Amino acid sequence: MATHLYKRMVYKDGSEVARLMAELLNLTGEIGTLAVGTHADLLVVDGDPLADLGVLAEPKHFRHIIQGGAVVSGT
């Protein structure tokens, strides 16, 4: 299985939830994107959660966990 990385949540009209929340919190440039110098919470899984939501329920599918921009699990 390929590893999938979903870095943004998108409404059906295409607007980016993460970017909007950063603007609302006056944290534009600090959160809401994946870039050097920003804070990120990210889960990288082995599998496609859009095809099989179960990959998010089983830690054996977790490849990397990043919290607040720091790797807390994985290599």
C-alpha atoms as a PDB file:
ATOM      1  CA  MET A   1       0.000   0.000   0.000  1.00  0.00           C
ATOM      2  CA  ALA A   2       1.121   3.513  -0.706  1.00  0.00           C
ATOM      3  CA  THR A   3       1.528   6.006   2.105  1.00  0.00           C
ATOM      4  CA  HIS A   4      -0.937   8.853   1.764  1.00  0.00           C
ATOM      5  CA  LEU A   5      -0.467  12.311   3.205  1.00  0.00           C
ATOM      6  CA  TYR A   6      -3.529  14.499   3.619  1.00  0.00           C
ATOM      7  CA  LYS A   7      -2.306  17.879   4.771  1.00  0.00           C
ATOM      8  CA  ARG A   8      -5.438  19.976   4.370  1.00  0.00           C
ATOM      9  CA  MET A   9      -9.121  19.667   5.048  1.00  0.00           C
ATOM     10  CA  VAL A  10     -11.169  21.225   2.249  1.00  0.00           C
ATOM     11  CA  TYR A  11     -14.832  22.195   2.151  1.00  0.00           C
ATOM     12  CA  LYS A  12     -16.789  21.145  -0.936  1.00  0.00           C
ATOM     13  CA  ASP A  13     -16.445  24.702  -2.288  1.00  0.00           C
ATOM     14  CA  GLY A  14     -12.640  24.391  -2.117  1.00  0.00           C
ATOM     15  CA  SER A  15     -11.934  26.734   0.803  1.00  0.00           C
ATOM     16  CA  GLU A  16      -9.210  25.558   3.161  1.00  0.00           C
ATOM     17  CA  VAL A  17     -10.328  25.062   6.748  1.00  0.00           C
ATOM     18  CA  ALA A  18      -6.821  25.219   8.206  1.00  0.00           C
ATOM     19  CA  ARG A  19      -5.979  28.497   6.476  1.00  0.00           C
ATOM     20  CA  LEU A  20      -9.289  30.029   7.554  1.00  0.00           C
ATOM     21  CA  MET A  21      -8.784  29.021  11.192  1.00  0.00           C
ATOM     22  CA  ALA A  22      -5.290  30.537  11.169  1.00  0.00           C
ATOM     23  CA  GLU A  23      -6.732  33.814   9.911  1.00  0.00           C
ATOM     24  CA  LEU A  24      -9.515  33.799  12.507  1.00  0.00           C
ATOM     25  CA  LEU A  25      -6.990  33.214  15.302  1.00  0.00           C
ATOM     26  CA  ASN A  26      -4.556  35.832  13.967  1.00  0.00           C
ATOM     27  CA  LEU A  27      -1.963  33.071  13.527  1.00  0.00           C
ATOM     28  CA  THR A  28      -1.485  33.311   9.760  1.00  0.00           C
ATOM     29  CA  GLY A  29       1.999  32.077   8.921  1.00  0.00           C
ATOM     30  CA  GLU A  30       2.269  30.063  12.139  1.00  0.00           C
ATOM     31  CA  ILE A  31      -0.498  27.474  11.696  1.00  0.00           C
ATOM     32  CA  GLY A  32      -2.719  26.319   8.845  1.00  0.00           C
ATOM     33  CA  THR A  33       0.039  25.247   6.467  1.00  0.00           C
ATOM     34  CA  LEU A  34       2.853  22.733   6.192  1.00  0.00           C
ATOM     35  CA  ALA A  35       5.964  24.825   5.862  1.00  0.00           C
ATOM     36  CA  VAL A  36       9.291  25.390   7.570  1.00  0.00           C
ATOM     37  CA  GLY A  37       8.804  27.354  10.784  1.00  0.00           C
ATOM     38  CA  THR A  38       5.113  26.552  11.233  1.00  0.00           C
ATOM     39  CA  HIS A  39       3.457  24.314  13.814  1.00  0.00           C
ATOM     40  CA  ALA A  40       1.724  21.204  12.526  1.00  0.00           C
ATOM     41  CA  ASP A  41      -0.228  18.228  13.790  1.00  0.00           C
ATOM     42  CA  LEU A  42       0.002  15.517  11.179  1.00  0.00           C
ATOM     43  CA  LEU A  43      -0.723  11.813  10.927  1.00  0.00           C
ATOM     44  CA  VAL A  44       0.852   9.848   8.081  1.00  0.00           C
ATOM     45  CA  VAL A  45      -0.744   6.452   7.524  1.00  0.00           C
ATOM     46  CA  ASP A  46      -0.039   3.402   5.414  1.00  0.00           C
ATOM     47  CA  GLY A  47      -3.250   3.133   3.423  1.00  0.00           C
ATOM     48  CA  ASP A  48      -5.956   5.353   2.042  1.00  0.00           C
ATOM     49  CA  PRO A  49      -8.332   6.650   4.741  1.00  0.00           C
ATOM     50  CA  LEU A  50     -10.746   7.854   2.052  1.00  0.00           C
ATOM     51  CA  ALA A  51     -11.152   4.266   0.856  1.00  0.00           C
ATOM     52  CA  ASP A  52     -10.841   2.558   4.270  1.00  0.00           C
ATOM     53  CA  LEU A  53     -11.481   4.664   7.365  1.00  0.00           C
ATOM     54  CA  GLY A  54     -10.263   1.740   9.467  1.00  0.00           C
ATOM     55  CA  VAL A  55      -6.619   2.697   8.828  1.00  0.00           C
ATOM     56  CA  LEU A  56      -7.175   5.613  11.229  1.00  0.00           C
ATOM     57  CA  ALA A  57      -8.423   3.285  13.959  1.00  0.00           C
ATOM     58  CA  GLU A  58      -5.434   0.936  14.007  1.00  0.00           C
ATOM     59  CA  PRO A  59      -2.047   2.250  15.179  1.00  0.00           C
ATOM     60  CA  LYS A  60      -0.273  -0.436  13.124  1.00  0.00           C
ATOM     61  CA  HIS A  61      -1.082   1.745  10.074  1.00  0.00           C
ATOM     62  CA  PHE A  62       0.496   4.885  11.577  1.00  0.00           C
ATOM     63  CA  ARG A  63       3.853   5.685   9.960  1.00  0.00           C
ATOM     64  CA  HIS A  64       4.554   9.122  11.461  1.00  0.00           C
ATOM     65  CA  ILE A  65       2.850  11.274  14.091  1.00  0.00           C
ATOM     66  CA  ILE A  66       3.820  14.927  14.224  1.00  0.00           C
ATOM     67  CA  GLN A  67       2.429  17.135  16.963  1.00  0.00           C
ATOM     68  CA  GLY A  68       3.147  20.840  17.275  1.00  0.00           C
ATOM     69  CA  GLY A  69       5.750  20.500  14.547  1.00  0.00           C
ATOM     70  CA  ALA A  70       7.741  17.819  16.411  1.00  0.00           C
ATOM     71  CA  VAL A  71       7.914  14.153  15.455  1.00  0.00           C
ATOM     72  CA  VAL A  72       6.493  12.146  18.355  1.00  0.00           C
ATOM     73  CA  SER A  73       6.337   8.752  16.661  1.00  0.00           C
ATOM     74  CA  GLY A  74       7.826   7.145  13.573  1.00  0.00           C
ATOM     75  CA  THR A  75      11.105   7.646  11.831  1.00  0.00           C
END
